[in-house]
Amino acid sequence: MIKNRIRKIKRLLFTMFKIGAVGFGGGTALIPVIEEEVVNNNKIVDDTEFNKDVIIANITPGALPVEIAAGIGRKMSGITGMILAASAMAFPGSFLTILILSLINQSSQFIVSQILFASIGVTSYIIFMLHEYLKSTVKECRNNNMGIAGVFFITLVFALTAGSEIYQIAGLNITPLFDISTVQILIIAFFIIFFTNGNPYKIRLIISAIITVLYCLCISRLNIIPGPYTIWILRAVMLILALWGLFTGISEHISFDIKPFKRFIKEELIWFAFLLVSSIPAVLLCAESLPFIGKGIISVLMSFGGGDAYLAVADGLFVESGMVGHSDFYSKIASVANALPGSILCKILAGSGYYIGYENGGLFTGLCVALSGFTCSIAASGGTFSAVAYLYERFENMSIFQTLKKYIRPIVAGLLLTVSVSMLYQNMEVAHMQRCPVIYILIITVVIYILNVYWKKKETLYPIYRVLLSAAISLAACNIIHFF
């Protein structure tokens, strides 16, 4: 029995570590990669369990891939599995961030250039995986007799979110009518689902449609409905209506069960203990550690939307307060974090911790404060996930959450289609940064994409080998192009 549990934990750790090591793009871009490994290849969880974790992670602030990993670990081995899986997912990117930052202080930008060249191949692989997720979503929608609705929502979300990426790739200097962020799309989706209570009440559908159109016009890049207060009034109305719809839906289902509540409290205490113990060396060595950890927790709780959206949060809390210098944050921490796999949130917190500690006590202190930043990102994300999971599991059989399960995947698929376009533009940006012809980088991207289609179809290579080959091909090709 014990040997079997140890074997399961080892398999879980290896799987999460592997995903974290190849997880370029972070956030929602990793959803299909995680699904491929934990559902299709290793059979750690089934589709239903995985989709449930995706739903909870999408309505929870924090590092999305870390939260999904925590949910999967929880199902396999309770709170121990949560901590180990979340840590394994976040470790590769955070470790590489600290390693590269320490090397940059003593070397040139050559290492970062090589990482960027390799990331082109991995990005091409991720784009392929995103499109595979899109195809499987359309297939699932058809199987659930909502094929037309699923395609409609995918197309609508893509149209609302991909404006600037498409224009940038096309080289058009035009302001898109709509370029709505991930968090804004999720705000709209959850408002409609919660307010309508998962039921097609005609009057509620009409009201939600009118408010949604007004909200989209308010956040339009063309400023169709001007006024700084209008958007906040609309958000307040959306929040009130969503809470009202949610309350009316759950009021008849409210009950209290001590066992799940005790489990929830136990999880929160262990997450807190995990953060406390790992932060002791940093607190003893650096006076800035406690304020940094406090702001780190706040930054995680403010991090809806993930990815590059976290940079704005981190800027406000760490850069504007003077904890991290502007040039250090953007020219070193942010650039290195964006070039490496894993969650941006985890890498930025670990990197910021390293610089705060390094400036106040040297290399060892930097490593200790980086560790506290790393565990802060995991503990805050995991603890918040535990809280939302506790609430979700109490009411998941209600119509409102059944509707959420039904429509969240097409919405995420639409967002991932936008992410794939954004990642294509990211490869073009690498070409500009490294002074390589963009057309060559695009050719490399297309060739690696086609190779992954072929490898997937023939099933001749495991995913990890496809990733490594993709990285090796782009690394070699980009160096040849750069040399000549």
Protein backbone atom coordinates (compact mmCIF):
# COMPACT_ATOMS: atom_id res chain seq x y z
CA MET A 1 0.00 0.00 0.00
CA ILE A 2 2.75 2.45 0.97
CA LYS A 3 4.86 1.45 -2.04
CA ASN A 4 1.90 2.00 -4.34
CA ARG A 5 1.29 5.47 -2.88
CA ILE A 6 4.97 6.38 -3.25
CA ARG A 7 4.88 5.17 -6.86
CA LYS A 8 1.82 7.35 -7.58
CA ILE A 9 3.44 10.40 -6.01
CA LYS A 10 6.64 9.85 -8.01
CA ARG A 11 4.63 9.63 -11.22
CA LEU A 12 2.72 12.78 -10.26
CA LEU A 13 5.91 14.71 -9.48
CA PHE A 14 7.65 13.64 -12.68
CA THR A 15 4.63 14.55 -14.80
CA MET A 16 4.21 18.00 -13.25
CA PHE A 17 7.94 18.70 -13.39
CA LYS A 18 8.00 17.74 -17.07
CA ILE A 19 5.05 20.02 -17.86
CA GLY A 20 6.66 22.87 -15.91
CA ALA A 21 9.91 22.38 -17.84
CA VAL A 22 8.27 22.67 -21.27
CA GLY A 23 5.45 25.03 -20.34
CA PHE A 24 6.24 28.04 -22.51
CA GLY A 25 3.32 30.45 -22.74
CA GLY A 26 2.12 29.82 -19.19
CA GLY A 27 -1.45 30.35 -17.97
CA THR A 28 -4.22 29.16 -20.25
CA ALA A 29 -1.68 28.10 -22.90
CA LEU A 30 -0.70 25.19 -20.65
CA ILE A 31 -4.21 23.75 -20.29
CA PRO A 32 -3.95 21.46 -23.35
CA VAL A 33 -0.39 20.46 -22.43
CA ILE A 34 -1.49 19.45 -18.92
CA GLU A 35 -4.52 17.61 -20.32
CA GLU A 36 -2.36 15.67 -22.77
CA GLU A 37 -0.06 14.47 -19.99
CA VAL A 38 -2.41 13.86 -17.04
CA VAL A 39 -5.52 12.69 -18.92
CA ASN A 40 -4.40 11.10 -22.17
CA ASN A 41 -0.87 9.82 -21.53
CA ASN A 42 -0.62 9.03 -17.80
CA LYS A 43 -4.33 8.58 -16.91
CA ILE A 44 -3.81 10.39 -13.60
CA VAL A 45 -7.31 11.93 -13.72
CA ASP A 46 -10.20 11.64 -16.16
CA ASP A 47 -11.75 14.33 -18.36
CA THR A 48 -14.46 15.21 -15.84
CA GLU A 49 -12.03 15.72 -12.96
CA PHE A 50 -9.62 17.70 -15.13
CA ASN A 51 -12.34 20.02 -16.48
CA LYS A 52 -13.52 20.63 -12.92
CA ASP A 53 -10.03 21.77 -11.89
CA VAL A 54 -9.84 24.01 -14.98
CA ILE A 55 -13.14 25.67 -14.04
CA ILE A 56 -12.05 26.28 -10.44
CA ALA A 57 -8.63 27.58 -11.53
CA ASN A 58 -10.23 29.98 -14.02
CA ILE A 59 -12.37 31.61 -11.33
CA THR A 60 -9.50 31.76 -8.83
CA PRO A 61 -6.80 34.47 -8.72
CA GLY A 62 -3.22 33.24 -8.85
CA ALA A 63 -1.00 31.07 -11.05
CA LEU A 64 -3.42 29.02 -13.16
CA PRO A 65 -1.13 26.05 -14.07
CA VAL A 66 -0.02 25.80 -10.43
CA GLU A 67 -3.66 25.75 -9.32
CA ILE A 68 -4.56 23.03 -11.81
CA ALA A 69 -1.56 21.02 -10.64
CA ALA A 70 -2.68 21.50 -7.02
CA GLY A 71 -6.16 20.23 -7.89
CA ILE A 72 -4.78 17.14 -9.61
CA GLY A 73 -2.39 16.48 -6.71
CA ARG A 74 -5.26 16.85 -4.25
CA LYS A 75 -7.19 14.08 -5.97
CA MET A 76 -4.19 11.76 -5.96
CA SER A 77 -2.77 12.31 -2.50
CA GLY A 78 -4.61 14.99 -0.52
CA ILE A 79 -2.79 18.07 0.77
CA THR A 80 0.62 16.39 0.34
CA GLY A 81 -0.17 15.83 -3.32
CA MET A 82 -1.35 19.43 -3.66
CA ILE A 83 1.90 20.92 -2.35
CA LEU A 84 4.17 18.52 -4.22
CA ALA A 85 2.35 18.82 -7.54
CA ALA A 86 2.12 22.62 -7.35
CA SER A 87 5.80 22.91 -6.39
CA ALA A 88 6.90 20.54 -9.16
CA MET A 89 4.93 22.52 -11.74
CA ALA A 90 6.41 25.87 -10.66
CA PHE A 91 9.98 24.76 -9.89
CA PRO A 92 11.63 24.46 -13.36
CA GLY A 93 10.75 27.96 -14.55
CA SER A 94 11.47 29.61 -11.20
CA PHE A 95 14.79 27.77 -10.79
CA LEU A 96 15.91 28.70 -14.31
CA THR A 97 14.88 32.32 -13.71
CA ILE A 98 17.10 32.56 -10.62
CA LEU A 99 19.94 30.73 -12.37
CA ILE A 100 19.86 33.02 -15.42
CA LEU A 101 19.54 36.18 -13.31
CA SER A 102 22.58 35.17 -11.27
CA LEU A 103 24.54 34.48 -14.46
CA ILE A 104 23.47 37.74 -16.12
CA ASN A 105 25.17 39.66 -13.32
CA GLN A 106 28.45 38.07 -14.43
CA SER A 107 28.03 37.48 -18.18
CA SER A 108 26.58 38.79 -21.45
CA GLN A 109 23.09 38.37 -22.92
CA PHE A 110 24.27 35.34 -24.94
CA ILE A 111 22.47 32.89 -22.61
CA VAL A 112 19.18 34.76 -22.94
CA SER A 113 19.56 34.75 -26.74
CA GLN A 114 19.95 30.97 -26.78
CA ILE A 115 16.89 30.56 -24.57
CA LEU A 116 14.90 32.78 -26.93
CA PHE A 117 16.04 30.78 -29.96
CA ALA A 118 15.02 27.51 -28.28
CA SER A 119 11.73 29.03 -27.16
CA ILE A 120 10.70 29.54 -30.81
CA GLY A 121 10.53 25.77 -31.28
CA VAL A 122 8.75 25.20 -27.99
CA THR A 123 6.30 28.00 -28.81
CA SER A 124 5.57 26.30 -32.15
CA TYR A 125 4.85 23.08 -30.27
CA ILE A 126 2.54 24.93 -27.84
CA ILE A 127 0.66 26.52 -30.77
CA PHE A 128 0.14 23.03 -32.17
CA MET A 129 -1.15 21.80 -28.80
CA LEU A 130 -3.51 24.77 -28.51
CA HIS A 131 -5.03 23.90 -31.87
CA GLU A 132 -5.36 20.26 -30.79
CA TYR A 133 -7.29 21.46 -27.73
CA LEU A 134 -9.49 23.56 -30.00
CA LYS A 135 -10.26 20.53 -32.21
CA SER A 136 -11.08 18.33 -29.21
CA THR A 137 -13.35 21.07 -27.81
CA VAL A 138 -15.34 21.27 -31.04
CA LYS A 139 -15.61 17.49 -31.06
CA GLU A 140 -16.81 17.45 -27.42
CA CYS A 141 -19.39 20.15 -28.18
CA ARG A 142 -20.75 18.08 -31.06
CA ASN A 143 -20.97 15.03 -28.82
CA ASN A 144 -22.96 17.11 -26.31
CA ASN A 145 -25.36 18.33 -29.03
CA MET A 146 -24.09 21.90 -28.82
CA GLY A 147 -21.78 21.94 -31.84
CA ILE A 148 -23.13 25.19 -33.34
CA ALA A 149 -23.24 26.93 -29.94
CA GLY A 150 -19.70 25.79 -29.14
CA VAL A 151 -18.28 27.07 -32.43
CA PHE A 152 -20.21 30.33 -31.97
CA PHE A 153 -18.73 30.98 -28.53
CA ILE A 154 -15.21 30.06 -29.68
CA THR A 155 -15.50 32.44 -32.64
CA LEU A 156 -17.07 35.22 -30.57
CA VAL A 157 -14.41 35.07 -27.85
CA PHE A 158 -11.64 35.00 -30.46
CA ALA A 159 -13.14 37.99 -32.29
CA LEU A 160 -13.39 39.98 -29.06
CA THR A 161 -9.86 39.22 -27.82
CA ALA A 162 -7.55 38.85 -30.84
CA GLY A 163 -7.80 42.32 -32.39
CA SER A 164 -4.38 43.75 -31.57
CA GLU A 165 -2.50 40.48 -32.18
CA ILE A 166 -3.95 40.10 -35.68
CA TYR A 167 -3.23 43.72 -36.55
CA GLN A 168 0.31 43.47 -35.21
CA ILE A 169 1.06 40.35 -37.25
CA ALA A 170 -0.40 42.04 -40.35
CA GLY A 171 1.68 45.15 -39.65
CA LEU A 172 -1.38 47.39 -39.48
CA ASN A 173 -1.16 50.50 -37.33
CA ILE A 174 -4.90 50.50 -36.61
CA THR A 175 -6.70 50.54 -33.28
CA PRO A 176 -8.97 47.46 -33.13
CA LEU A 177 -12.61 47.93 -32.24
CA PHE A 178 -12.35 45.21 -29.61
CA ASP A 179 -9.27 43.84 -27.90
CA ILE A 180 -10.70 42.51 -24.65
CA SER A 181 -8.41 40.83 -22.14
CA THR A 182 -8.82 37.32 -20.77
CA VAL A 183 -9.99 38.61 -17.42
CA GLN A 184 -12.62 40.84 -19.06
CA ILE A 185 -13.99 37.90 -21.05
CA LEU A 186 -14.19 35.80 -17.90
CA ILE A 187 -15.92 38.67 -16.06
CA ILE A 188 -18.56 38.82 -18.81
CA ALA A 189 -18.98 35.02 -18.93
CA PHE A 190 -19.36 34.60 -15.18
CA PHE A 191 -21.72 37.59 -14.98
CA ILE A 192 -24.06 36.11 -17.59
CA ILE A 193 -23.96 32.59 -16.11
CA PHE A 194 -24.38 33.69 -12.48
CA PHE A 195 -27.07 36.28 -13.22
CA THR A 196 -29.15 33.96 -15.39
CA ASN A 197 -28.57 31.23 -12.79
CA GLY A 198 -27.89 28.73 -15.55
CA ASN A 199 -31.51 28.95 -16.73
CA PRO A 200 -32.87 30.61 -19.91
CA TYR A 201 -35.05 33.21 -18.20
CA LYS A 202 -36.05 35.54 -21.03
CA ILE A 203 -35.97 38.77 -19.03
CA ARG A 204 -32.59 37.95 -17.46
CA LEU A 205 -31.11 37.04 -20.84
CA ILE A 206 -32.27 40.36 -22.29
CA ILE A 207 -30.90 42.35 -19.34
CA SER A 208 -27.55 40.49 -19.40
CA ALA A 209 -27.28 41.01 -23.18
CA ILE A 210 -27.88 44.78 -22.88
CA ILE A 211 -25.38 45.16 -20.02
CA THR A 212 -22.79 43.04 -21.79
CA VAL A 213 -23.03 45.10 -25.01
CA LEU A 214 -22.71 48.34 -23.01
CA TYR A 215 -19.74 46.92 -21.10
CA CYS A 216 -17.98 45.87 -24.33
CA LEU A 217 -18.55 49.34 -25.80
CA CYS A 218 -17.10 50.89 -22.61
CA ILE A 219 -13.91 48.84 -22.74
CA SER A 220 -13.56 49.19 -26.52
CA ARG A 221 -10.22 50.62 -27.65
CA LEU A 222 -12.14 53.27 -29.62
CA ASN A 223 -13.73 54.61 -26.43
CA ILE A 224 -17.24 54.38 -27.92
CA ILE A 225 -18.89 55.06 -24.55
CA PRO A 226 -16.58 57.57 -22.81
CA GLY A 227 -16.46 58.52 -19.18
CA PRO A 228 -14.16 57.20 -16.43
CA TYR A 229 -17.03 56.38 -14.10
CA THR A 230 -19.32 54.58 -16.55
CA ILE A 231 -17.30 51.37 -16.61
CA TRP A 232 -17.13 51.23 -12.80
CA ILE A 233 -20.88 51.76 -12.54
CA LEU A 234 -21.44 48.93 -15.01
CA ARG A 235 -19.04 46.67 -13.11
CA ALA A 236 -20.86 47.41 -9.87
CA VAL A 237 -24.21 46.61 -11.51
CA MET A 238 -22.78 43.37 -12.99
CA LEU A 239 -21.37 42.35 -9.61
CA ILE A 240 -24.64 43.05 -7.77
CA LEU A 241 -26.74 41.19 -10.35
CA ALA A 242 -24.29 38.27 -10.47
CA LEU A 243 -24.28 37.94 -6.67
CA TRP A 244 -28.06 38.23 -6.58
CA GLY A 245 -28.44 35.51 -9.23
CA LEU A 246 -25.90 33.33 -7.44
CA PHE A 247 -27.57 33.81 -4.05
CA THR A 248 -31.05 33.06 -5.34
CA GLY A 249 -29.64 29.94 -6.93
CA ILE A 250 -27.86 28.61 -3.85
CA SER A 251 -30.21 29.82 -1.10
CA GLU A 252 -32.23 26.62 -1.29
CA HIS A 253 -29.11 24.46 -1.30
CA ILE A 254 -27.27 25.94 1.67
CA SER A 255 -26.30 23.32 4.24
CA PHE A 256 -23.35 22.80 6.51
CA ASP A 257 -21.22 19.67 6.64
CA ILE A 258 -18.42 19.68 9.20
CA LYS A 259 -16.17 17.14 7.43
CA PRO A 260 -15.49 19.16 4.22
CA PHE A 261 -15.12 22.31 6.32
CA LYS A 262 -12.49 20.68 8.56
CA ARG A 263 -10.63 19.48 5.47
CA PHE A 264 -10.70 23.02 4.07
CA ILE A 265 -9.35 24.54 7.30
CA LYS A 266 -6.63 21.87 7.47
CA GLU A 267 -5.53 22.65 3.92
CA GLU A 268 -5.37 26.38 4.60
CA LEU A 269 -3.31 25.86 7.78
CA ILE A 270 -0.86 23.58 5.97
CA TRP A 271 -0.47 26.06 3.10
CA PHE A 272 0.27 28.78 5.67
CA ALA A 273 2.77 26.53 7.49
CA PHE A 274 4.45 25.71 4.17
CA LEU A 275 4.96 29.42 3.47
CA LEU A 276 6.00 30.19 7.06
CA VAL A 277 8.70 27.50 7.32
CA SER A 278 10.22 28.22 3.90
CA SER A 279 10.37 31.96 4.64
CA ILE A 280 12.26 31.74 7.96
CA PRO A 281 15.78 32.02 6.42
CA ALA A 282 14.74 35.03 4.33
CA VAL A 283 13.13 36.82 7.29
CA LEU A 284 16.22 36.25 9.44
CA LEU A 285 18.62 37.49 6.76
CA CYS A 286 16.73 40.35 5.10
CA ALA A 287 14.53 43.01 6.71
CA GLU A 288 12.72 43.58 3.39
CA SER A 289 11.47 39.97 3.32
CA LEU A 290 8.31 40.44 5.39
CA PRO A 291 7.01 43.41 3.36
CA PHE A 292 7.93 41.50 0.19
CA ILE A 293 6.01 38.37 1.27
CA GLY A 294 2.99 40.46 2.29
CA LYS A 295 2.94 42.25 -1.05
CA GLY A 296 3.55 38.92 -2.79
CA ILE A 297 0.38 37.46 -1.27
CA ILE A 298 -1.58 40.58 -2.22
CA SER A 299 -0.23 40.40 -5.78
CA VAL A 300 -1.41 36.78 -6.12
CA LEU A 301 -4.89 37.69 -4.87
CA MET A 302 -4.99 40.55 -7.41
CA SER A 303 -3.78 38.35 -10.26
CA PHE A 304 -6.88 37.65 -12.31
CA GLY A 305 -6.04 37.04 -15.95
CA GLY A 306 -2.50 35.81 -15.27
CA GLY A 307 0.35 36.03 -17.77
CA ASP A 308 1.51 39.49 -18.74
CA ALA A 309 -1.37 40.99 -16.74
CA TYR A 310 0.63 40.10 -13.62
CA LEU A 311 3.45 42.39 -14.75
CA ALA A 312 1.21 45.41 -14.14
CA VAL A 313 0.35 44.14 -10.66
CA ALA A 314 4.01 43.45 -9.82
CA ASP A 315 5.03 46.85 -11.17
CA GLY A 316 2.59 48.61 -8.86
CA LEU A 317 3.60 46.65 -5.76
CA PHE A 318 7.35 46.15 -6.20
CA VAL A 319 8.66 48.72 -8.69
CA GLU A 320 6.61 51.78 -7.74
CA SER A 321 7.32 51.12 -4.05
CA GLY A 322 11.06 51.03 -4.78
CA MET A 323 11.58 47.43 -3.67
CA VAL A 324 12.91 46.53 -7.15
CA GLY A 325 14.51 48.99 -9.56
CA HIS A 326 12.68 49.76 -12.80
CA SER A 327 15.59 48.73 -15.04
CA ASP A 328 16.24 45.54 -13.04
CA PHE A 329 12.57 44.58 -13.24
CA TYR A 330 11.99 45.15 -16.95
CA SER A 331 15.40 44.62 -18.56
CA LYS A 332 16.28 41.58 -16.45
CA ILE A 333 13.50 39.95 -14.39
CA ALA A 334 10.61 40.40 -16.85
CA SER A 335 12.66 39.66 -19.99
CA VAL A 336 14.15 36.47 -18.52
CA ALA A 337 10.78 35.33 -17.11
CA ASN A 338 9.09 35.79 -20.48
CA ALA A 339 11.80 33.73 -22.20
CA LEU A 340 11.46 30.73 -19.85
CA PRO A 341 8.79 28.07 -19.29
CA GLY A 342 6.34 28.13 -16.41
CA SER A 343 4.00 30.56 -14.71
CA ILE A 344 4.92 34.24 -15.12
CA LEU A 345 3.63 34.89 -11.59
CA CYS A 346 5.92 32.32 -9.98
CA LYS A 347 8.95 33.42 -11.99
CA ILE A 348 8.40 37.13 -11.32
CA LEU A 349 7.94 36.60 -7.57
CA ALA A 350 11.02 34.38 -7.36
CA GLY A 351 13.08 36.77 -9.50
CA SER A 352 11.96 39.86 -7.57
CA GLY A 353 12.79 38.09 -4.31
CA TYR A 354 16.25 37.27 -5.63
CA TYR A 355 17.01 40.90 -6.50
CA ILE A 356 15.66 42.21 -3.20
CA GLY A 357 17.77 39.72 -1.25
CA TYR A 358 20.84 40.19 -3.47
CA GLU A 359 20.76 43.96 -3.02
CA ASN A 360 20.45 43.61 0.77
CA GLY A 361 22.87 40.80 1.53
CA GLY A 362 24.48 39.17 -1.48
CA LEU A 363 23.97 35.89 -3.32
CA PHE A 364 22.93 33.61 -0.44
CA THR A 365 20.42 36.12 0.91
CA GLY A 366 19.11 36.55 -2.61
CA LEU A 367 18.53 32.81 -2.91
CA CYS A 368 16.72 32.70 0.44
CA VAL A 369 14.38 35.58 -0.43
CA ALA A 370 13.84 34.03 -3.88
CA LEU A 371 12.75 30.82 -2.11
CA SER A 372 10.25 32.79 -0.04
CA GLY A 373 8.90 34.42 -3.24
CA PHE A 374 8.63 31.02 -4.90
CA THR A 375 6.73 29.44 -2.00
CA CYS A 376 4.60 32.57 -1.63
CA SER A 377 3.40 32.18 -5.23
CA ILE A 378 2.56 28.51 -4.63
CA ALA A 379 1.02 28.83 -1.16
CA ALA A 380 -1.14 31.85 -2.02
CA SER A 381 -2.32 30.26 -5.29
CA GLY A 382 -2.90 26.88 -3.65
CA GLY A 383 -4.63 28.30 -0.59
CA THR A 384 -6.98 30.39 -2.72
CA PHE A 385 -7.67 27.37 -4.93
CA SER A 386 -8.57 25.31 -1.83
CA ALA A 387 -11.05 27.98 -0.71
CA VAL A 388 -12.77 28.24 -4.11
CA ALA A 389 -12.77 24.43 -4.49
CA TYR A 390 -14.50 24.09 -1.11
CA LEU A 391 -17.30 26.43 -2.21
CA TYR A 392 -17.54 24.94 -5.70
CA GLU A 393 -17.78 21.36 -4.47
CA ARG A 394 -20.70 22.25 -2.20
CA PHE A 395 -22.80 23.58 -5.07
CA GLU A 396 -21.44 21.95 -8.24
CA ASN A 397 -24.63 19.94 -8.89
CA MET A 398 -26.74 23.10 -9.17
CA SER A 399 -27.88 24.21 -12.63
CA ILE A 400 -25.67 27.30 -12.47
CA PHE A 401 -22.48 25.25 -12.12
CA GLN A 402 -23.67 22.69 -14.66
CA THR A 403 -24.00 25.56 -17.13
CA LEU A 404 -20.53 26.75 -16.13
CA LYS A 405 -19.12 23.29 -16.87
CA LYS A 406 -20.90 23.23 -20.22
CA TYR A 407 -19.70 26.58 -21.56
CA ILE A 408 -16.33 27.19 -19.90
CA ARG A 409 -14.44 24.92 -22.29
CA PRO A 410 -15.58 26.69 -25.51
CA ILE A 411 -14.81 30.04 -23.85
CA VAL A 412 -11.32 28.83 -22.86
CA ALA A 413 -10.83 27.41 -26.37
CA GLY A 414 -11.58 30.83 -27.87
CA LEU A 415 -9.08 32.42 -25.50
CA LEU A 416 -6.48 29.81 -26.43
CA LEU A 417 -6.97 30.54 -30.12
CA THR A 418 -6.07 34.15 -29.31
CA VAL A 419 -3.10 32.93 -27.27
CA SER A 420 -1.86 30.94 -30.29
CA VAL A 421 -1.94 34.11 -32.43
CA SER A 422 -0.17 36.02 -29.65
CA MET A 423 2.53 33.33 -29.45
CA LEU A 424 3.07 33.53 -33.20
CA TYR A 425 3.62 37.27 -32.78
CA GLN A 426 5.96 36.50 -29.86
CA ASN A 427 8.16 34.49 -32.24
CA MET A 428 8.18 37.45 -34.60
CA GLU A 429 9.23 39.69 -31.68
CA VAL A 430 12.17 37.35 -30.97
CA ALA A 431 13.24 37.84 -34.59
CA HIS A 432 13.20 41.62 -34.12
CA MET A 433 15.05 41.42 -30.78
CA GLN A 434 17.79 39.17 -32.21
CA ARG A 435 17.93 41.00 -35.56
CA CYS A 436 16.89 37.99 -37.62
CA PRO A 437 14.67 38.19 -40.75
CA VAL A 438 11.07 37.66 -39.61
CA ILE A 439 10.24 35.54 -42.66
CA TYR A 440 12.86 32.95 -41.65
CA ILE A 441 11.47 32.73 -38.12
CA LEU A 442 7.95 32.26 -39.51
CA ILE A 443 9.21 29.49 -41.81
CA ILE A 444 10.87 27.75 -38.84
CA THR A 445 7.63 28.06 -36.86
CA VAL A 446 5.54 26.57 -39.69
CA VAL A 447 7.99 23.73 -40.33
CA ILE A 448 8.09 22.74 -36.65
CA TYR A 449 4.28 22.95 -36.47
CA ILE A 450 3.96 20.60 -39.48
CA LEU A 451 6.50 18.22 -37.96
CA ASN A 452 4.44 18.06 -34.76
CA VAL A 453 1.30 17.32 -36.79
CA TYR A 454 3.19 14.45 -38.44
CA TRP A 455 4.65 13.14 -35.17
CA LYS A 456 1.24 13.28 -33.48
CA LYS A 457 -0.44 11.47 -36.37
CA LYS A 458 2.17 8.71 -36.50
CA GLU A 459 2.49 8.55 -32.69
CA THR A 460 6.19 7.82 -33.11
CA LEU A 461 7.45 10.16 -30.38
CA TYR A 462 6.44 10.89 -26.80
CA PRO A 463 5.42 14.54 -26.16
CA ILE A 464 8.63 15.30 -24.23
CA TYR A 465 10.74 14.21 -27.20
CA ARG A 466 8.61 16.29 -29.57
CA VAL A 467 9.23 19.33 -27.37
CA LEU A 468 12.97 18.73 -27.16
CA LEU A 469 13.27 18.15 -30.91
CA SER A 470 11.25 21.30 -31.60
CA ALA A 471 13.57 23.32 -29.33
CA ALA A 472 16.71 21.77 -30.83
CA ILE A 473 15.59 22.45 -34.42
CA SER A 474 14.78 26.11 -33.72
CA LEU A 475 17.97 26.59 -31.68
CA ALA A 476 20.17 25.24 -34.48
CA ALA A 477 18.29 27.00 -37.29
CA CYS A 478 18.18 30.38 -35.51
CA ASN A 479 21.89 30.27 -34.70
CA ILE A 480 22.69 29.51 -38.35
CA ILE A 481 20.48 32.40 -39.52
CA HIS A 482 21.91 34.72 -36.85
CA PHE A 483 25.49 33.78 -37.79
CA PHE A 484 25.05 34.45 -41.49
